[in-house]
Amino acid sequence: MGIRSSGIVQAKQVFGRVFSTSIALDVPKGHLAVYVGENEKKRFVVPVSYLRHPLFHKLLSKAEEEYGFDHSMGRLTIPCREETFIDVTCSLKCSLA
């Protein structure tokens, strides 16, 4: 299951807003900040290379379907359990290593 092209355009718009703010100063080059959580959001910094991986696509697609990418704070939010996100990113780290 991939991201629809409209989802990619929306994600790029969100990334543009995020990277144009001062919060982006502590994000290393080649990474992006993602906010994860169902209620309280926790900030994670992940490599941009994760965006190409099917598992990460699945998370983004689910977030887009349920909530859309337009967030009032101008940041990318993935409304899943923090444990789920950590499991997925650990799998990605192992598969990309």
N, C-alpha and C. Protein backbone atom coordinates (compact mmCIF):
# COMPACT_ATOMS: atom_id res chain seq x y z
N MET A 1 0.86 -1.17 0.00
CA MET A 1 0.00 0.00 0.00
C MET A 1 0.90 1.24 0.00
N GLY A 2 0.87 2.04 -1.03
CA GLY A 2 1.72 3.22 -1.13
C GLY A 2 0.95 4.49 -0.82
N ILE A 3 1.67 5.55 -0.77
CA ILE A 3 1.05 6.86 -0.54
C ILE A 3 0.51 7.36 -1.86
N ARG A 4 -0.72 7.85 -1.84
CA ARG A 4 -1.27 8.43 -3.06
C ARG A 4 -0.50 9.71 -3.36
N SER A 5 -0.44 10.09 -4.63
CA SER A 5 0.34 11.27 -5.02
C SER A 5 -0.15 12.53 -4.32
N SER A 6 -1.46 12.66 -4.07
CA SER A 6 -1.94 13.84 -3.35
C SER A 6 -1.40 13.86 -1.94
N GLY A 7 -1.22 12.67 -1.35
CA GLY A 7 -0.64 12.58 -0.01
C GLY A 7 0.80 13.04 0.01
N ILE A 8 1.54 12.71 -1.05
CA ILE A 8 2.94 13.14 -1.13
C ILE A 8 3.01 14.66 -1.24
N VAL A 9 2.15 15.25 -2.04
CA VAL A 9 2.13 16.70 -2.18
C VAL A 9 1.81 17.35 -0.85
N GLN A 10 0.80 16.84 -0.14
CA GLN A 10 0.45 17.39 1.16
C GLN A 10 1.59 17.23 2.15
N ALA A 11 2.24 16.07 2.14
CA ALA A 11 3.37 15.85 3.06
C ALA A 11 4.49 16.83 2.77
N LYS A 12 4.78 17.08 1.49
CA LYS A 12 5.83 18.05 1.14
C LYS A 12 5.48 19.44 1.64
N GLN A 13 4.19 19.80 1.57
CA GLN A 13 3.77 21.10 2.07
C GLN A 13 3.98 21.19 3.58
N VAL A 14 3.64 20.12 4.29
CA VAL A 14 3.84 20.10 5.74
C VAL A 14 5.33 20.18 6.05
N PHE A 15 6.16 19.39 5.34
CA PHE A 15 7.59 19.42 5.57
C PHE A 15 8.14 20.82 5.34
N GLY A 16 7.67 21.48 4.30
CA GLY A 16 8.12 22.84 4.01
C GLY A 16 7.82 23.79 5.15
N ARG A 17 6.62 23.67 5.72
CA ARG A 17 6.26 24.53 6.86
C ARG A 17 7.11 24.19 8.07
N VAL A 18 7.33 22.89 8.32
CA VAL A 18 8.12 22.48 9.48
C VAL A 18 9.55 22.97 9.36
N PHE A 19 10.16 22.78 8.18
CA PHE A 19 11.55 23.15 8.03
C PHE A 19 11.78 24.64 7.92
N SER A 20 10.72 25.42 7.75
CA SER A 20 10.90 26.86 7.71
C SER A 20 10.77 27.49 9.09
N THR A 21 10.50 26.68 10.11
CA THR A 21 10.37 27.21 11.47
C THR A 21 11.64 27.00 12.26
N SER A 22 11.70 27.64 13.40
CA SER A 22 12.90 27.54 14.23
C SER A 22 13.07 26.16 14.85
N ILE A 23 12.00 25.36 14.96
CA ILE A 23 12.13 24.03 15.54
C ILE A 23 13.04 23.16 14.68
N ALA A 24 13.13 23.47 13.42
CA ALA A 24 13.93 22.65 12.51
C ALA A 24 15.42 22.80 12.76
N LEU A 25 15.83 23.77 13.53
CA LEU A 25 17.25 24.01 13.76
C LEU A 25 17.94 22.84 14.44
N ASP A 26 17.23 22.08 15.26
CA ASP A 26 17.87 20.96 15.94
C ASP A 26 17.65 19.63 15.22
N VAL A 27 17.18 19.67 13.99
CA VAL A 27 17.00 18.46 13.19
C VAL A 27 18.19 18.34 12.25
N PRO A 28 18.97 17.26 12.39
CA PRO A 28 20.14 17.10 11.52
C PRO A 28 19.76 17.00 10.05
N LYS A 29 20.69 17.39 9.20
CA LYS A 29 20.47 17.29 7.76
C LYS A 29 20.18 15.83 7.41
N GLY A 30 19.19 15.64 6.52
CA GLY A 30 18.82 14.30 6.11
C GLY A 30 17.82 13.63 7.04
N HIS A 31 17.26 14.39 7.98
CA HIS A 31 16.29 13.87 8.93
C HIS A 31 15.06 14.77 8.95
N LEU A 32 13.99 14.29 9.58
CA LEU A 32 12.80 15.11 9.76
C LEU A 32 12.18 14.80 11.11
N ALA A 33 11.48 15.79 11.64
CA ALA A 33 10.78 15.62 12.92
C ALA A 33 9.37 15.11 12.64
N VAL A 34 8.95 14.12 13.42
CA VAL A 34 7.63 13.54 13.31
C VAL A 34 7.04 13.49 14.73
N TYR A 35 5.78 13.86 14.84
CA TYR A 35 5.11 13.81 16.13
C TYR A 35 4.19 12.60 16.14
N VAL A 36 4.33 11.78 17.19
CA VAL A 36 3.65 10.50 17.25
C VAL A 36 2.86 10.39 18.55
N GLY A 37 1.66 9.84 18.43
CA GLY A 37 0.87 9.56 19.62
C GLY A 37 -0.60 9.73 19.35
N GLU A 38 -1.39 9.03 20.14
CA GLU A 38 -2.84 9.12 20.00
C GLU A 38 -3.37 10.34 20.75
N ASN A 39 -2.87 10.59 21.93
CA ASN A 39 -3.32 11.74 22.73
C ASN A 39 -2.18 12.73 22.89
N GLU A 40 -1.22 12.38 23.73
CA GLU A 40 -0.06 13.23 23.91
C GLU A 40 0.96 12.90 22.82
N LYS A 41 1.43 13.92 22.13
CA LYS A 41 2.34 13.71 21.00
C LYS A 41 3.79 13.79 21.47
N LYS A 42 4.59 12.83 21.02
CA LYS A 42 6.02 12.82 21.32
C LYS A 42 6.77 13.05 20.02
N ARG A 43 7.81 13.84 20.07
CA ARG A 43 8.60 14.19 18.89
C ARG A 43 9.72 13.18 18.67
N PHE A 44 9.80 12.68 17.44
CA PHE A 44 10.87 11.79 17.03
C PHE A 44 11.57 12.42 15.84
N VAL A 45 12.86 12.21 15.72
CA VAL A 45 13.63 12.66 14.56
C VAL A 45 14.07 11.40 13.83
N VAL A 46 13.63 11.27 12.57
CA VAL A 46 13.91 10.06 11.79
C VAL A 46 14.61 10.42 10.48
N PRO A 47 15.39 9.50 9.94
CA PRO A 47 16.03 9.75 8.65
C PRO A 47 15.01 9.91 7.52
N VAL A 48 15.29 10.78 6.60
CA VAL A 48 14.41 10.99 5.44
C VAL A 48 14.31 9.70 4.62
N SER A 49 15.31 8.86 4.67
CA SER A 49 15.29 7.61 3.90
C SER A 49 14.11 6.72 4.30
N TYR A 50 13.56 6.89 5.50
CA TYR A 50 12.39 6.11 5.92
C TYR A 50 11.19 6.39 5.03
N LEU A 51 11.14 7.56 4.43
CA LEU A 51 10.00 7.92 3.59
C LEU A 51 9.85 7.01 2.38
N ARG A 52 10.94 6.36 1.98
CA ARG A 52 10.90 5.47 0.81
C ARG A 52 10.50 4.04 1.17
N HIS A 53 10.44 3.73 2.45
CA HIS A 53 10.20 2.35 2.87
C HIS A 53 8.70 2.05 2.95
N PRO A 54 8.26 0.86 2.45
CA PRO A 54 6.84 0.50 2.45
C PRO A 54 6.19 0.52 3.84
N LEU A 55 6.91 0.14 4.89
CA LEU A 55 6.33 0.18 6.23
C LEU A 55 5.99 1.61 6.66
N PHE A 56 6.89 2.54 6.35
CA PHE A 56 6.64 3.94 6.71
C PHE A 56 5.51 4.49 5.84
N HIS A 57 5.46 4.07 4.58
CA HIS A 57 4.36 4.47 3.69
C HIS A 57 3.03 4.05 4.30
N LYS A 58 3.00 2.84 4.85
CA LYS A 58 1.77 2.32 5.45
C LYS A 58 1.32 3.21 6.62
N LEU A 59 2.27 3.60 7.47
CA LEU A 59 1.93 4.50 8.58
C LEU A 59 1.40 5.83 8.08
N LEU A 60 2.08 6.40 7.08
CA LEU A 60 1.66 7.70 6.54
C LEU A 60 0.29 7.60 5.87
N SER A 61 0.06 6.51 5.14
CA SER A 61 -1.23 6.32 4.48
C SER A 61 -2.36 6.22 5.48
N LYS A 62 -2.12 5.46 6.54
CA LYS A 62 -3.15 5.32 7.57
C LYS A 62 -3.43 6.66 8.25
N ALA A 63 -2.38 7.42 8.53
CA ALA A 63 -2.56 8.74 9.14
C ALA A 63 -3.32 9.67 8.21
N GLU A 64 -2.99 9.61 6.92
CA GLU A 64 -3.68 10.47 5.94
C GLU A 64 -5.16 10.10 5.83
N GLU A 65 -5.44 8.80 5.75
CA GLU A 65 -6.83 8.34 5.63
C GLU A 65 -7.67 8.76 6.82
N GLU A 66 -7.11 8.61 8.02
CA GLU A 66 -7.88 8.87 9.23
C GLU A 66 -7.91 10.34 9.63
N TYR A 67 -6.81 11.04 9.43
CA TYR A 67 -6.70 12.40 9.97
C TYR A 67 -6.27 13.45 8.97
N GLY A 68 -5.73 13.05 7.82
CA GLY A 68 -5.20 14.02 6.87
C GLY A 68 -3.84 14.52 7.35
N PHE A 69 -3.14 15.23 6.48
CA PHE A 69 -1.83 15.75 6.84
C PHE A 69 -1.89 17.20 7.31
N ASP A 70 -3.02 17.86 7.15
CA ASP A 70 -3.13 19.26 7.53
C ASP A 70 -3.28 19.37 9.04
N HIS A 71 -2.24 19.80 9.71
CA HIS A 71 -2.25 19.93 11.16
C HIS A 71 -2.14 21.40 11.52
N SER A 72 -2.90 21.81 12.50
CA SER A 72 -2.94 23.23 12.86
C SER A 72 -1.58 23.77 13.30
N MET A 73 -0.69 22.90 13.77
CA MET A 73 0.63 23.35 14.20
C MET A 73 1.64 23.32 13.05
N GLY A 74 1.23 22.85 11.88
CA GLY A 74 2.13 22.80 10.73
C GLY A 74 3.21 21.75 10.87
N ARG A 75 2.89 20.64 11.50
CA ARG A 75 3.88 19.58 11.67
C ARG A 75 3.28 18.25 11.26
N LEU A 76 4.14 17.31 10.91
CA LEU A 76 3.70 15.98 10.52
C LEU A 76 3.39 15.19 11.78
N THR A 77 2.13 14.75 11.90
CA THR A 77 1.69 13.99 13.06
C THR A 77 1.20 12.63 12.61
N ILE A 78 1.69 11.59 13.26
CA ILE A 78 1.24 10.23 12.98
C ILE A 78 0.50 9.76 14.23
N PRO A 79 -0.83 9.67 14.14
CA PRO A 79 -1.64 9.36 15.31
C PRO A 79 -1.75 7.86 15.61
N CYS A 80 -0.60 7.25 15.91
CA CYS A 80 -0.62 5.84 16.28
C CYS A 80 0.00 5.71 17.66
N ARG A 81 -0.06 4.53 18.21
CA ARG A 81 0.57 4.32 19.52
C ARG A 81 2.07 4.48 19.37
N GLU A 82 2.68 5.06 20.37
CA GLU A 82 4.12 5.29 20.35
C GLU A 82 4.88 3.97 20.20
N GLU A 83 4.41 2.92 20.85
CA GLU A 83 5.04 1.61 20.76
C GLU A 83 5.02 1.08 19.33
N THR A 84 3.92 1.30 18.64
CA THR A 84 3.80 0.86 17.25
C THR A 84 4.83 1.57 16.38
N PHE A 85 4.95 2.89 16.56
CA PHE A 85 5.90 3.67 15.79
C PHE A 85 7.33 3.20 16.07
N ILE A 86 7.64 2.95 17.32
CA ILE A 86 8.99 2.49 17.69
C ILE A 86 9.26 1.12 17.06
N ASP A 87 8.27 0.22 17.09
CA ASP A 87 8.45 -1.10 16.46
C ASP A 87 8.74 -0.95 14.97
N VAL A 88 7.97 -0.10 14.29
CA VAL A 88 8.15 0.10 12.85
C VAL A 88 9.52 0.71 12.56
N THR A 89 9.92 1.74 13.31
CA THR A 89 11.21 2.38 13.04
C THR A 89 12.38 1.46 13.38
N CYS A 90 12.22 0.58 14.39
CA CYS A 90 13.27 -0.40 14.67
C CYS A 90 13.39 -1.39 13.51
N SER A 91 12.25 -1.81 12.96
CA SER A 91 12.27 -2.71 11.80
C SER A 91 12.93 -2.03 10.61
N LEU A 92 12.62 -0.75 10.42
CA LEU A 92 13.22 0.00 9.31
C LEU A 92 14.72 0.11 9.48
N LYS A 93 15.13 0.42 10.69
CA LYS A 93 16.57 0.57 10.96
C LYS A 93 17.31 -0.72 10.65
N CYS A 94 16.73 -1.86 11.05
CA CYS A 94 17.36 -3.16 10.79
C CYS A 94 17.38 -3.49 9.30
N SER A 95 16.29 -3.18 8.60
CA SER A 95 16.21 -3.54 7.18
C SER A 95 17.06 -2.63 6.30
N LEU A 96 17.32 -1.40 6.75
CA LEU A 96 18.12 -0.47 5.96
C LEU A 96 19.60 -0.51 6.30
N ALA A 97 19.95 -1.24 7.35
CA ALA A 97 21.34 -1.31 7.79
C ALA A 97 22.16 -2.23 6.92
